[in-house]
N, C-alpha and C. Protein backbone atom coordinates (compact mmCIF):
# COMPACT_ATOMS: atom_id res chain seq x y z
N UNK A 1 94.47 147.03 301.77
CA UNK A 1 93.70 146.31 301.18
C UNK A 1 94.20 146.78 299.39
N UNK A 2 94.64 148.33 299.60
CA UNK A 2 95.15 148.54 298.28
C UNK A 2 96.52 147.73 297.70
N UNK A 3 97.28 147.70 298.72
CA UNK A 3 98.67 146.60 298.70
C UNK A 3 98.31 145.43 297.92
N UNK A 4 97.29 144.82 298.47
CA UNK A 4 96.42 143.46 298.28
C UNK A 4 96.23 143.58 296.44
N UNK A 5 95.33 144.27 296.43
CA UNK A 5 95.25 144.70 294.74
C UNK A 5 96.15 144.75 294.23
N UNK A 6 97.20 145.76 294.23
CA UNK A 6 98.17 146.04 293.60
C UNK A 6 98.90 144.80 293.00
N UNK A 7 98.86 143.68 294.23
CA UNK A 7 99.23 142.28 294.32
C UNK A 7 98.82 141.86 293.29
N UNK A 8 97.92 141.85 293.28
CA UNK A 8 96.80 141.01 292.26
C UNK A 8 96.49 141.27 290.74
N UNK A 9 96.54 142.62 291.20
CA UNK A 9 96.77 143.09 289.17
C UNK A 9 98.35 142.80 288.86
N UNK A 10 98.77 142.98 289.83
CA UNK A 10 100.73 142.20 289.29
C UNK A 10 100.48 140.83 288.57
N UNK A 11 99.94 140.17 289.44
CA UNK A 11 99.70 138.46 289.32
C UNK A 11 98.89 138.52 287.65
N UNK A 12 98.19 139.14 287.73
CA UNK A 12 96.99 139.07 286.45
C UNK A 12 97.79 139.56 285.12
N UNK A 13 98.37 140.76 285.66
CA UNK A 13 99.40 141.04 284.26
C UNK A 13 100.62 140.20 284.22
N UNK A 14 101.17 139.89 285.46
CA UNK A 14 102.02 138.76 284.90
C UNK A 14 101.41 137.62 284.27
N UNK A 15 100.16 136.67 284.29
CA UNK A 15 99.83 135.89 283.42
C UNK A 15 99.37 136.18 282.16
N UNK A 16 98.85 137.62 282.11
CA UNK A 16 98.62 137.95 280.70
C UNK A 16 99.98 137.83 279.82
N UNK A 17 101.09 137.85 280.55
CA UNK A 17 102.16 138.21 280.09
C UNK A 17 103.21 137.34 279.74
N UNK A 18 102.52 135.96 280.20
CA UNK A 18 103.58 134.47 279.73
C UNK A 18 101.84 134.07 278.92
N UNK A 19 100.93 134.60 278.91
CA UNK A 19 99.83 134.31 277.77
C UNK A 19 100.90 134.60 276.45
N UNK A 20 100.90 136.03 276.60
CA UNK A 20 101.00 136.63 275.17
C UNK A 20 102.79 135.87 274.92
N UNK A 21 103.45 135.34 275.61
CA UNK A 21 105.20 134.94 275.14
C UNK A 21 104.76 133.60 274.95
N UNK A 22 103.58 133.01 275.13
CA UNK A 22 103.56 131.47 275.22
C UNK A 22 102.85 131.35 273.17
N UNK A 23 101.81 132.34 273.14
CA UNK A 23 101.39 132.55 271.98
C UNK A 23 102.42 133.36 270.89
N UNK A 24 103.15 134.04 271.24
CA UNK A 24 104.33 134.16 270.34
C UNK A 24 104.55 133.20 270.16
N UNK A 25 105.60 132.60 270.93
CA UNK A 25 106.48 131.51 271.09
C UNK A 25 105.97 130.46 269.76
N UNK A 26 104.30 130.31 270.15
CA UNK A 26 103.70 129.29 269.43
C UNK A 26 103.49 129.82 267.64
N UNK A 27 103.47 131.23 267.51
CA UNK A 27 103.64 131.50 266.01
C UNK A 27 104.92 131.13 265.52
N UNK A 28 105.60 131.83 266.31
CA UNK A 28 107.58 131.80 266.08
C UNK A 28 107.31 130.33 265.50
N UNK A 29 107.21 129.35 265.54
CA UNK A 29 107.38 128.50 265.62
C UNK A 29 107.12 127.50 264.24
N UNK A 30 105.05 128.49 264.09
CA UNK A 30 104.76 128.03 262.44
C UNK A 30 104.92 129.02 261.62
N UNK A 31 106.00 129.79 261.75
CA UNK A 31 106.40 130.54 260.86
C UNK A 31 107.01 130.12 259.71
N UNK A 32 107.26 130.76 258.38
CA UNK A 32 108.12 130.42 257.55
C UNK A 32 109.44 130.60 258.15
N UNK A 33 109.79 131.49 258.59
CA UNK A 33 111.36 131.20 258.61
C UNK A 33 111.55 130.87 259.65
N UNK A 34 111.18 130.46 260.33
CA UNK A 34 111.32 129.29 261.85
C UNK A 34 111.33 127.76 261.13
N UNK A 35 110.53 127.63 260.18
CA UNK A 35 110.32 126.31 259.76
C UNK A 35 112.00 126.17 258.69
N UNK A 36 111.78 127.21 258.07
CA UNK A 36 112.77 126.66 257.07
C UNK A 36 114.27 126.75 257.78
N UNK A 37 114.18 127.54 258.96
CA UNK A 37 115.81 127.41 259.42
C UNK A 37 115.57 125.85 260.18
N UNK A 38 114.76 125.26 260.37
CA UNK A 38 114.59 124.06 261.35
C UNK A 38 114.68 122.94 260.17
N UNK A 39 114.77 123.14 259.14
CA UNK A 39 115.04 122.27 258.12
C UNK A 39 116.36 122.68 257.81
N UNK A 40 117.10 123.38 258.01
CA UNK A 40 118.25 123.68 257.09
C UNK A 40 119.18 123.44 258.47
N UNK A 41 118.93 123.28 259.37
CA UNK A 41 119.95 122.77 260.49
C UNK A 41 119.38 121.57 261.15
N UNK A 42 118.33 120.71 261.29
CA UNK A 42 117.68 119.59 261.22
C UNK A 42 119.04 118.59 261.40
N UNK A 43 119.09 117.75 262.23
CA UNK A 43 120.24 116.70 262.54
C UNK A 43 119.54 115.10 261.86
N UNK A 44 119.93 115.40 260.43
CA UNK A 44 119.68 114.41 260.07
C UNK A 44 120.34 113.15 259.67
N UNK A 45 119.72 111.88 260.34
CA UNK A 45 120.62 110.97 259.66
C UNK A 45 120.49 109.88 258.26
N UNK A 46 121.30 108.75 258.19
CA UNK A 46 121.37 108.22 256.88
C UNK A 46 119.78 107.84 256.56
N UNK A 47 119.07 107.89 257.56
CA UNK A 47 117.83 107.17 256.70
C UNK A 47 117.19 108.04 256.20
N UNK A 48 117.16 109.45 256.26
CA UNK A 48 116.73 110.51 256.32
C UNK A 48 116.27 110.91 254.73
N UNK A 49 115.49 111.66 253.98
CA UNK A 49 115.81 112.19 252.92
C UNK A 49 116.17 113.35 252.11
N UNK A 50 116.55 113.47 251.55
CA UNK A 50 118.07 114.62 251.02
C UNK A 50 117.35 115.32 250.96
N UNK A 51 117.55 116.86 251.04
CA UNK A 51 117.19 117.99 251.13
C UNK A 51 116.13 118.17 249.72
N UNK A 52 117.25 118.26 248.68
CA UNK A 52 116.30 118.26 247.42
C UNK A 52 115.40 117.31 247.28
N UNK A 53 115.12 116.30 247.76
CA UNK A 53 114.64 115.01 247.24
C UNK A 53 113.43 115.88 248.27
N UNK A 54 113.53 115.90 249.58
CA UNK A 54 112.19 116.59 250.36
C UNK A 54 111.59 117.87 249.78
N UNK A 55 112.11 118.79 249.07
CA UNK A 55 111.91 119.55 248.71
C UNK A 55 111.45 119.37 247.21
N UNK A 56 111.60 118.42 246.73
CA UNK A 56 110.42 117.64 245.64
C UNK A 56 109.50 116.90 245.94
N UNK A 57 109.49 116.73 247.06
CA UNK A 57 108.05 115.97 247.65
C UNK A 57 107.38 117.42 248.18
N UNK A 58 107.92 118.23 248.56
CA UNK A 58 107.31 119.06 248.89
C UNK A 58 106.37 120.05 247.61
N UNK A 59 106.94 120.30 246.51
CA UNK A 59 106.67 121.32 245.73
C UNK A 59 105.33 119.93 244.60
N UNK A 60 105.29 118.86 244.73
CA UNK A 60 104.89 117.90 244.54
C UNK A 60 103.34 118.29 244.89
N UNK A 61 103.36 117.92 245.82
CA UNK A 61 102.07 117.97 246.94
C UNK A 61 101.54 119.22 247.07
N UNK A 62 101.78 119.95 246.62
CA UNK A 62 101.56 121.42 246.51
C UNK A 62 101.15 121.95 245.22
N UNK A 63 101.73 121.16 244.43
CA UNK A 63 101.53 121.71 242.76
C UNK A 63 100.50 120.54 242.56
N UNK A 64 100.06 119.41 242.73
CA UNK A 64 99.34 118.55 242.41
C UNK A 64 97.72 118.81 243.84
N UNK A 65 97.94 120.11 245.05
CA UNK A 65 97.00 120.44 245.38
C UNK A 65 96.50 118.76 246.45
N UNK A 66 97.33 117.70 246.56
CA UNK A 66 97.21 116.52 247.51
C UNK A 66 96.22 116.94 248.83
N UNK A 67 95.57 116.13 249.19
CA UNK A 67 95.06 116.83 250.26
C UNK A 67 95.03 115.24 251.39
N UNK A 68 95.24 114.44 250.60
CA UNK A 68 95.98 113.00 252.18
C UNK A 68 96.55 112.22 251.47
N UNK A 69 97.80 112.49 252.05
CA UNK A 69 98.74 111.63 252.07
C UNK A 69 99.78 110.23 252.93
N UNK A 70 100.34 109.27 252.30
CA UNK A 70 101.10 108.54 253.34
C UNK A 70 102.60 108.65 252.76
N UNK A 71 103.20 108.61 253.92
CA UNK A 71 104.62 107.93 254.13
C UNK A 71 105.02 106.55 254.66
N UNK A 72 105.55 106.09 254.29
CA UNK A 72 106.05 104.69 254.44
C UNK A 72 107.54 104.64 255.14
N UNK A 73 107.68 105.07 256.30
CA UNK A 73 109.28 105.14 256.76
C UNK A 73 109.32 106.32 257.06
N UNK A 74 109.05 106.89 258.18
CA UNK A 74 109.46 108.00 259.06
C UNK A 74 110.90 108.48 259.50
N UNK A 75 111.52 107.43 259.76
CA UNK A 75 112.97 107.39 260.36
C UNK A 75 112.54 108.98 261.71
N UNK A 76 113.50 110.13 261.10
CA UNK A 76 113.41 110.63 262.25
C UNK A 76 112.83 111.81 262.16
N UNK A 77 111.91 111.70 260.81
CA UNK A 77 110.52 112.53 260.58
C UNK A 77 111.29 113.69 259.76
N UNK A 78 112.00 113.93 259.02
CA UNK A 78 112.93 115.04 258.10
C UNK A 78 111.99 115.18 257.11
N UNK A 79 111.50 113.97 256.23
CA UNK A 79 110.38 114.25 255.01
C UNK A 79 109.04 114.60 255.40
N UNK A 80 108.23 113.72 256.57
CA UNK A 80 107.06 114.03 257.28
C UNK A 80 107.25 115.62 258.06
N UNK A 81 108.56 116.72 257.99
CA UNK A 81 108.72 117.79 258.75
C UNK A 81 108.00 118.43 256.88
N UNK A 82 108.51 118.22 255.20
CA UNK A 82 108.89 119.05 254.61
C UNK A 82 107.17 118.80 254.01
N UNK A 83 107.04 117.48 254.00
CA UNK A 83 105.51 117.55 253.53
C UNK A 83 104.44 117.89 254.73
N UNK A 84 105.08 117.84 255.19
CA UNK A 84 103.69 118.56 256.41
C UNK A 84 103.46 120.04 256.16
N UNK A 85 104.73 120.73 255.72
CA UNK A 85 104.43 121.86 255.72
C UNK A 85 103.87 122.10 254.32
N UNK A 86 103.52 121.28 253.69
CA UNK A 86 102.68 121.45 252.06
C UNK A 86 101.47 121.44 252.17
N UNK A 87 101.53 119.72 253.18
CA UNK A 87 100.12 119.01 253.30
C UNK A 87 99.40 120.43 254.24
N UNK A 88 100.15 121.10 254.82
CA UNK A 88 98.83 122.80 255.85
C UNK A 88 98.64 123.62 254.67
N UNK A 89 99.88 123.65 253.92
CA UNK A 89 99.26 124.88 252.51
C UNK A 89 98.00 124.18 251.32
N UNK A 90 97.88 122.93 251.71
CA UNK A 90 96.68 122.67 250.73
C UNK A 90 95.94 121.99 251.25
N UNK A 91 95.77 122.52 252.82
CA UNK A 91 94.56 121.99 253.83
C UNK A 91 94.18 120.24 253.53
N UNK A 92 95.40 119.66 253.81
CA UNK A 92 95.42 118.35 253.73
C UNK A 92 96.01 117.19 254.84
N UNK A 93 96.17 116.16 254.82
CA UNK A 93 96.31 115.80 255.97
C UNK A 93 97.65 114.96 255.50
N UNK A 94 98.74 114.65 256.63
CA UNK A 94 99.67 113.09 256.38
C UNK A 94 99.51 112.08 257.02
N UNK A 95 100.02 111.26 256.88
CA UNK A 95 99.70 109.64 258.41
C UNK A 95 101.55 108.86 257.71
N UNK A 96 102.21 109.25 258.60
CA UNK A 96 103.84 108.77 258.21
C UNK A 96 103.96 107.65 259.05
N UNK A 97 104.34 106.34 258.50
CA UNK A 97 104.62 104.84 259.03
C UNK A 97 105.95 104.26 259.63
N UNK A 98 105.88 103.99 260.84
CA UNK A 98 107.40 103.61 260.90
C UNK A 98 107.18 102.82 262.05
N UNK A 99 108.07 101.74 261.77
CA UNK A 99 108.21 99.97 263.02
C UNK A 99 108.84 100.56 264.01
N UNK A 100 109.32 101.32 263.97
CA UNK A 100 110.72 101.45 264.82
C UNK A 100 110.36 102.68 265.99
N UNK A 101 109.67 101.75 267.78
CA UNK A 101 109.47 103.18 268.10
C UNK A 101 110.18 104.23 268.01
N UNK A 102 111.19 104.00 268.58
CA UNK A 102 112.20 105.28 268.86
C UNK A 102 111.90 106.54 267.11
N UNK A 103 111.97 105.90 266.27
CA UNK A 103 111.81 106.73 265.31
C UNK A 103 110.38 107.44 265.32
N UNK A 104 109.69 106.68 265.43
CA UNK A 104 108.15 107.59 265.42
C UNK A 104 107.71 108.29 266.66
N UNK A 105 108.94 108.04 267.55
CA UNK A 105 108.74 109.20 268.94
C UNK A 105 109.68 110.32 268.41
N UNK A 106 110.84 110.17 267.52
CA UNK A 106 111.78 111.19 267.23
C UNK A 106 110.87 111.94 266.03
N UNK A 107 109.88 111.41 265.63
CA UNK A 107 109.23 111.84 264.78
C UNK A 107 108.29 113.12 264.91
N UNK A 108 107.56 112.80 266.35
CA UNK A 108 107.01 113.00 266.29
C UNK A 108 107.20 114.65 267.49
N UNK A 109 108.36 114.51 268.29
CA UNK A 109 108.91 115.44 268.88
C UNK A 109 109.25 116.59 267.49
N UNK A 110 110.12 115.64 266.62
CA UNK A 110 110.34 117.31 265.85
C UNK A 110 108.92 117.30 264.78
N UNK A 111 107.64 117.37 264.61
CA UNK A 111 106.40 117.38 263.97
C UNK A 111 106.26 118.39 265.24
N UNK A 112 106.49 118.23 266.25
CA UNK A 112 105.56 119.24 267.72
C UNK A 112 106.85 120.45 267.47
N UNK A 113 107.79 120.83 267.49
CA UNK A 113 108.62 121.30 267.25
C UNK A 113 109.04 123.12 266.15
N UNK A 114 107.71 122.31 265.05
CA UNK A 114 106.90 123.35 263.93
C UNK A 114 105.86 123.23 263.80
N UNK A 115 105.32 122.52 265.21
CA UNK A 115 103.36 123.08 265.46
C UNK A 115 103.20 122.43 263.69
N UNK A 116 103.12 121.09 263.10
CA UNK A 116 102.77 120.20 262.26
C UNK A 116 102.20 119.09 262.80
N UNK A 117 101.83 119.09 264.82
CA UNK A 117 101.66 117.32 264.60
C UNK A 117 100.09 117.30 264.37
N UNK A 118 99.28 118.38 264.13
CA UNK A 118 97.48 118.35 263.78
C UNK A 118 97.58 118.32 262.61
N UNK A 119 98.43 118.60 261.68
CA UNK A 119 98.70 117.92 260.48
C UNK A 119 98.91 116.80 259.92
N UNK A 120 99.96 116.11 260.56
CA UNK A 120 101.02 115.06 260.20
C UNK A 120 100.18 113.91 261.59
N UNK A 121 99.82 113.12 261.48
CA UNK A 121 99.58 111.44 262.01
C UNK A 121 100.76 110.11 262.39
N UNK A 122 101.61 110.23 263.10
CA UNK A 122 102.28 109.00 263.18
C UNK A 122 101.94 107.76 263.48
N UNK A 123 102.33 106.63 262.80
CA UNK A 123 101.55 105.32 262.59
C UNK A 123 102.34 104.35 263.30
N UNK A 124 102.86 103.75 263.88
CA UNK A 124 103.77 103.01 264.63
C UNK A 124 102.87 101.62 264.52
N UNK A 125 104.32 100.68 263.55
CA UNK A 125 103.51 99.36 263.41
C UNK A 125 104.04 98.87 262.42
N UNK A 126 104.20 97.85 261.58
CA UNK A 126 104.72 96.67 260.06
C UNK A 126 103.73 98.03 259.13
N UNK A 127 104.34 98.41 258.61
CA UNK A 127 103.43 99.22 257.18
C UNK A 127 102.27 98.24 256.77
N UNK A 128 102.75 97.05 256.54
CA UNK A 128 101.95 95.95 255.48
C UNK A 128 101.07 95.86 256.05
N UNK A 129 100.56 96.39 258.09
CA UNK A 129 99.56 95.61 258.84
C UNK A 129 99.13 96.89 259.01
N UNK A 130 99.52 98.16 258.64
CA UNK A 130 99.10 99.53 258.87
C UNK A 130 98.46 100.32 257.97
N UNK A 131 99.34 100.03 257.22
CA UNK A 131 98.41 101.00 255.59
C UNK A 131 97.07 100.51 255.51
N UNK A 132 96.33 98.83 255.59
CA UNK A 132 95.34 98.77 255.51
C UNK A 132 94.26 99.62 255.92
N UNK A 133 94.70 100.00 256.97
CA UNK A 133 94.28 100.56 257.85
C UNK A 133 93.69 102.15 257.56
N UNK A 134 94.76 102.64 256.92
CA UNK A 134 94.12 103.91 256.18
C UNK A 134 93.31 104.31 255.48
N UNK A 135 92.07 105.37 256.07
CA UNK A 135 91.15 105.22 255.09
C UNK A 135 91.17 106.32 253.96
N UNK A 136 90.47 105.83 252.86
CA UNK A 136 91.09 106.62 251.72
C UNK A 136 89.98 107.35 251.43
N UNK A 137 89.65 108.22 250.15
CA UNK A 137 91.27 108.05 249.32
C UNK A 137 92.44 108.71 249.84
N UNK A 138 93.42 108.50 248.80
CA UNK A 138 94.69 108.40 248.92
C UNK A 138 95.18 109.16 248.21
N UNK A 139 95.87 110.99 248.15
CA UNK A 139 96.17 110.91 246.68
C UNK A 139 98.02 111.63 246.74
N UNK A 140 98.76 111.34 247.80
CA UNK A 140 99.64 111.03 247.28
C UNK A 140 100.20 109.96 248.26
N UNK A 141 101.27 109.33 248.10
CA UNK A 141 102.18 108.41 248.79
C UNK A 141 104.02 108.72 248.58
N UNK A 142 104.27 108.54 249.81
CA UNK A 142 105.68 108.26 249.55
C UNK A 142 106.31 107.17 250.54
N UNK A 143 107.52 106.20 249.44
CA UNK A 143 107.76 105.04 250.07
C UNK A 143 109.20 105.31 250.18
N UNK A 144 109.53 104.66 251.34
CA UNK A 144 111.01 104.71 251.70
C UNK A 144 111.18 104.44 252.70
N UNK A 145 111.24 102.89 252.67
CA UNK A 145 111.34 101.88 253.99
C UNK A 145 112.01 100.83 252.93
N UNK A 146 111.40 99.48 253.92
CA UNK A 146 112.23 98.05 253.54
C UNK A 146 111.84 97.91 251.60
N UNK A 147 113.30 97.85 250.87
CA UNK A 147 113.20 98.19 249.86
C UNK A 147 112.51 97.31 248.96
N UNK A 148 112.70 95.90 249.66
CA UNK A 148 111.94 94.70 248.96
C UNK A 148 110.80 94.06 248.76
N UNK A 149 110.59 95.05 249.49
CA UNK A 149 108.23 95.42 250.24
C UNK A 149 107.94 96.86 249.28
N UNK A 150 108.62 97.37 248.61
CA UNK A 150 107.97 98.17 247.59
C UNK A 150 106.88 97.48 247.37
N UNK A 151 106.66 96.70 246.48
CA UNK A 151 105.88 96.54 245.81
C UNK A 151 104.06 96.29 246.86
N UNK A 152 104.87 95.64 247.88
CA UNK A 152 103.60 95.04 248.34
C UNK A 152 103.28 96.05 249.14
N UNK A 153 104.03 97.39 249.21
CA UNK A 153 103.15 98.71 250.28
C UNK A 153 102.43 99.41 249.69
N UNK A 154 103.38 99.10 247.98
CA UNK A 154 102.05 99.99 247.14
C UNK A 154 100.71 99.01 246.81
N UNK A 155 100.90 97.79 247.05
CA UNK A 155 99.46 97.04 246.32
C UNK A 155 98.52 96.87 247.54
N UNK A 156 99.18 97.02 249.01
CA UNK A 156 98.49 97.75 250.39
C UNK A 156 97.69 98.92 249.99
N UNK A 157 97.58 99.69 249.43
CA UNK A 157 97.24 101.04 249.20
C UNK A 157 96.44 101.38 248.41
N UNK A 158 97.04 100.93 246.86
CA UNK A 158 96.53 100.70 245.89
C UNK A 158 95.27 101.05 245.64
N UNK A 159 94.59 100.21 246.22
CA UNK A 159 92.87 100.33 246.06
C UNK A 159 92.41 101.95 246.80
N UNK A 160 93.20 102.19 247.73
CA UNK A 160 92.68 103.49 247.95
C UNK A 160 93.12 104.92 247.11
N UNK A 161 94.36 104.22 246.22
CA UNK A 161 94.19 105.73 245.50
C UNK A 161 93.70 106.22 244.72
N UNK A 162 93.16 107.66 244.87
CA UNK A 162 92.35 108.10 243.82
C UNK A 162 93.13 108.27 242.17
N UNK A 163 92.17 108.51 241.33
CA UNK A 163 93.15 108.75 239.61
C UNK A 163 93.55 110.40 240.04
N UNK A 164 94.09 110.54 239.64
CA UNK A 164 95.26 111.81 240.08
C UNK A 164 96.55 111.97 241.04
N UNK A 165 96.18 110.41 241.92
CA UNK A 165 97.46 110.31 243.02
C UNK A 165 98.69 110.54 242.30
N UNK A 166 99.29 110.83 243.02
CA UNK A 166 101.03 110.58 242.83
C UNK A 166 101.40 109.63 244.13
N UNK A 167 102.41 109.04 243.34
CA UNK A 167 103.15 107.88 244.16
C UNK A 167 104.77 108.13 243.85
N UNK A 168 105.57 108.60 245.07
CA UNK A 168 106.75 108.01 244.90
C UNK A 168 107.48 107.76 245.42
N UNK A 169 108.56 107.11 244.65
CA UNK A 169 109.76 105.63 245.54
C UNK A 169 110.82 106.14 245.70
N UNK A 170 111.54 106.20 246.88
CA UNK A 170 112.92 106.80 246.64
C UNK A 170 114.09 105.50 246.36
N UNK A 171 114.87 105.78 246.25
CA UNK A 171 116.36 104.79 246.52
C UNK A 171 116.32 104.04 245.06
N UNK A 172 115.66 104.45 244.26
CA UNK A 172 115.09 103.40 243.35
C UNK A 172 116.61 103.73 241.95
N UNK A 173 117.32 103.99 241.92
CA UNK A 173 118.27 103.51 241.29
C UNK A 173 119.35 103.14 241.96
N UNK A 174 120.42 103.25 242.71
CA UNK A 174 120.97 102.16 244.28
C UNK A 174 120.59 100.96 244.36
N UNK A 175 118.84 101.13 244.48
CA UNK A 175 118.65 100.20 245.21
C UNK A 175 117.19 99.32 244.10
N UNK A 176 117.51 99.11 242.76
CA UNK A 176 116.76 98.78 241.98
C UNK A 176 116.82 97.09 241.40
N UNK A 177 117.87 96.75 242.11
CA UNK A 177 117.80 95.47 242.60
C UNK A 177 117.02 94.60 242.91
N UNK A 178 116.72 95.46 243.91
CA UNK A 178 116.18 95.01 245.61
C UNK A 178 114.44 95.05 245.05
N UNK A 179 113.85 95.45 244.20
CA UNK A 179 112.51 96.34 243.59
C UNK A 179 112.53 95.77 242.31
N UNK A 180 112.75 94.35 241.44
CA UNK A 180 112.16 94.78 240.36
C UNK A 180 110.81 94.78 239.91
N UNK A 181 110.42 94.22 240.87
CA UNK A 181 108.76 93.88 240.96
C UNK A 181 107.97 95.34 240.71
N UNK A 182 108.31 96.42 241.94
CA UNK A 182 107.32 97.53 241.81
C UNK A 182 108.06 98.42 240.83
N UNK A 183 108.98 98.50 240.12
CA UNK A 183 109.63 99.33 239.07
C UNK A 183 108.95 99.05 237.80
N UNK A 184 108.52 97.49 237.76
CA UNK A 184 108.37 96.88 236.46
C UNK A 184 106.85 97.41 236.48
N UNK A 185 105.87 96.74 237.68
CA UNK A 185 104.59 97.12 237.71
C UNK A 185 104.71 98.77 237.35
N UNK A 186 104.87 99.52 238.11
CA UNK A 186 104.70 101.26 237.55
C UNK A 186 104.80 101.79 236.29
N UNK A 187 106.20 101.37 236.07
CA UNK A 187 106.70 101.27 234.53
C UNK A 187 105.79 100.61 233.17
N UNK A 188 105.21 99.56 233.50
CA UNK A 188 104.27 98.70 232.44
C UNK A 188 102.90 99.00 232.55
N UNK A 189 102.87 99.31 233.76
CA UNK A 189 101.33 99.42 233.56
C UNK A 189 100.71 100.41 233.31
N UNK A 190 99.21 100.54 232.27
CA UNK A 190 99.01 101.58 231.79
C UNK A 190 98.70 102.14 232.23
N UNK A 191 98.09 101.70 234.01
CA UNK A 191 97.04 102.85 234.92
C UNK A 191 98.59 103.62 235.01
N UNK A 192 99.74 104.13 235.10
CA UNK A 192 100.62 105.64 235.76
C UNK A 192 101.17 105.33 234.44
N UNK A 193 101.59 107.02 235.21
CA UNK A 193 102.40 107.55 233.95
C UNK A 193 104.00 107.44 235.38
N UNK A 194 105.25 107.01 234.62
CA UNK A 194 106.40 106.98 235.61
C UNK A 194 107.44 107.08 235.04
N UNK A 195 108.28 108.40 236.19
CA UNK A 195 109.70 108.53 235.21
C UNK A 195 110.49 108.87 236.72
N UNK A 196 111.49 108.25 236.54
CA UNK A 196 112.61 108.04 237.14
C UNK A 196 113.84 109.51 236.79
N UNK A 197 113.73 109.99 238.22
CA UNK A 197 114.73 111.20 238.47
C UNK A 197 115.58 111.25 239.18
N UNK A 198 116.43 112.55 239.45
CA UNK A 198 117.91 112.43 240.63
C UNK A 198 116.89 114.03 240.72
N UNK A 199 116.30 114.38 241.94
CA UNK A 199 116.24 115.64 242.43
C UNK A 199 117.54 116.44 243.60
N UNK A 200 118.59 114.88 243.41
CA UNK A 200 119.40 115.76 244.77
C UNK A 200 120.90 114.71 244.18
N UNK A 201 121.96 114.86 244.07
CA UNK A 201 123.45 114.19 244.52
C UNK A 201 123.64 113.85 245.52
N UNK A 202 123.26 113.93 246.28
CA UNK A 202 123.90 113.95 247.69
C UNK A 202 124.10 112.26 248.01
N UNK A 203 122.79 111.54 247.53
CA UNK A 203 123.33 110.11 247.69
C UNK A 203 123.33 109.45 246.79
N UNK A 204 123.36 110.11 245.14
CA UNK A 204 123.90 109.47 244.58
C UNK A 204 122.47 108.49 243.72
N UNK A 205 121.23 109.07 243.67
CA UNK A 205 119.83 107.76 243.77
C UNK A 205 119.09 108.60 242.97
N UNK A 206 117.79 107.96 243.24
CA UNK A 206 116.87 108.74 242.41
C UNK A 206 115.30 108.34 242.62
N UNK A 207 114.50 109.31 242.49
CA UNK A 207 113.31 108.14 242.69
C UNK A 207 112.38 108.24 241.43
N UNK A 208 111.33 107.22 241.91
CA UNK A 208 110.17 107.05 240.87
C UNK A 208 109.16 107.42 240.90
N UNK A 209 108.77 108.52 239.95
CA UNK A 209 107.36 109.81 240.39
C UNK A 209 106.75 108.77 239.36
N UNK A 210 105.16 107.98 239.98
CA UNK A 210 104.17 108.00 239.24
C UNK A 210 102.94 108.77 239.48
N UNK A 211 101.84 108.42 238.10
CA UNK A 211 100.90 109.35 238.55
C UNK A 211 99.45 108.16 237.72
N UNK A 212 98.33 108.42 239.19
CA UNK A 212 97.58 107.61 238.50
C UNK A 212 96.87 107.81 237.37
N UNK A 213 96.67 107.70 236.03
CA UNK A 213 95.95 108.55 235.09
C UNK A 213 94.26 107.55 234.96
N UNK A 214 94.14 106.81 235.68
CA UNK A 214 92.92 105.64 235.42
C UNK A 214 92.71 104.89 236.72
């Protein structure tokens, strides 16, 4: 009998130790140190946002205290991870959209690795069809998908943008010829303040940052 009790206690202690280890592992992947190392070691592909640009997105979200964001073009989730960290800090949520099932799967996997799967929702499908399904109001948008559709993406989400929303469009220098309608709209429309910046020289490109003033 005594031997059986010892075995049971050992088993219970073992389960307790496993639970503690699981809790520690979960805590570790949500720590700032772990996440920053994950971002540093991220196996980026050509479609991913450059590190400097991703940090700029994070800072914009945090500075504006954005609560509800949309990313058009997930790739493998490098941008989503960076923005997800920011939205977790503001108590907000990000929806990241991509038409490629493989990209969506990769993004989900990378978000789970840093414990952001509840902060960022992956939406699979053509953004021109999925954008109208996102509930507003939206106060942050990052566009980095099919360049000649930038203006269409903006118009699809514009009715849900709140005053004070920040809209960021990537690759607006190298691909300016593919999005003249978008750039003309955000630079001449009195409802927006817009500036084009280079926050990273990795791709010799830049981002258009717009602020909805009314």
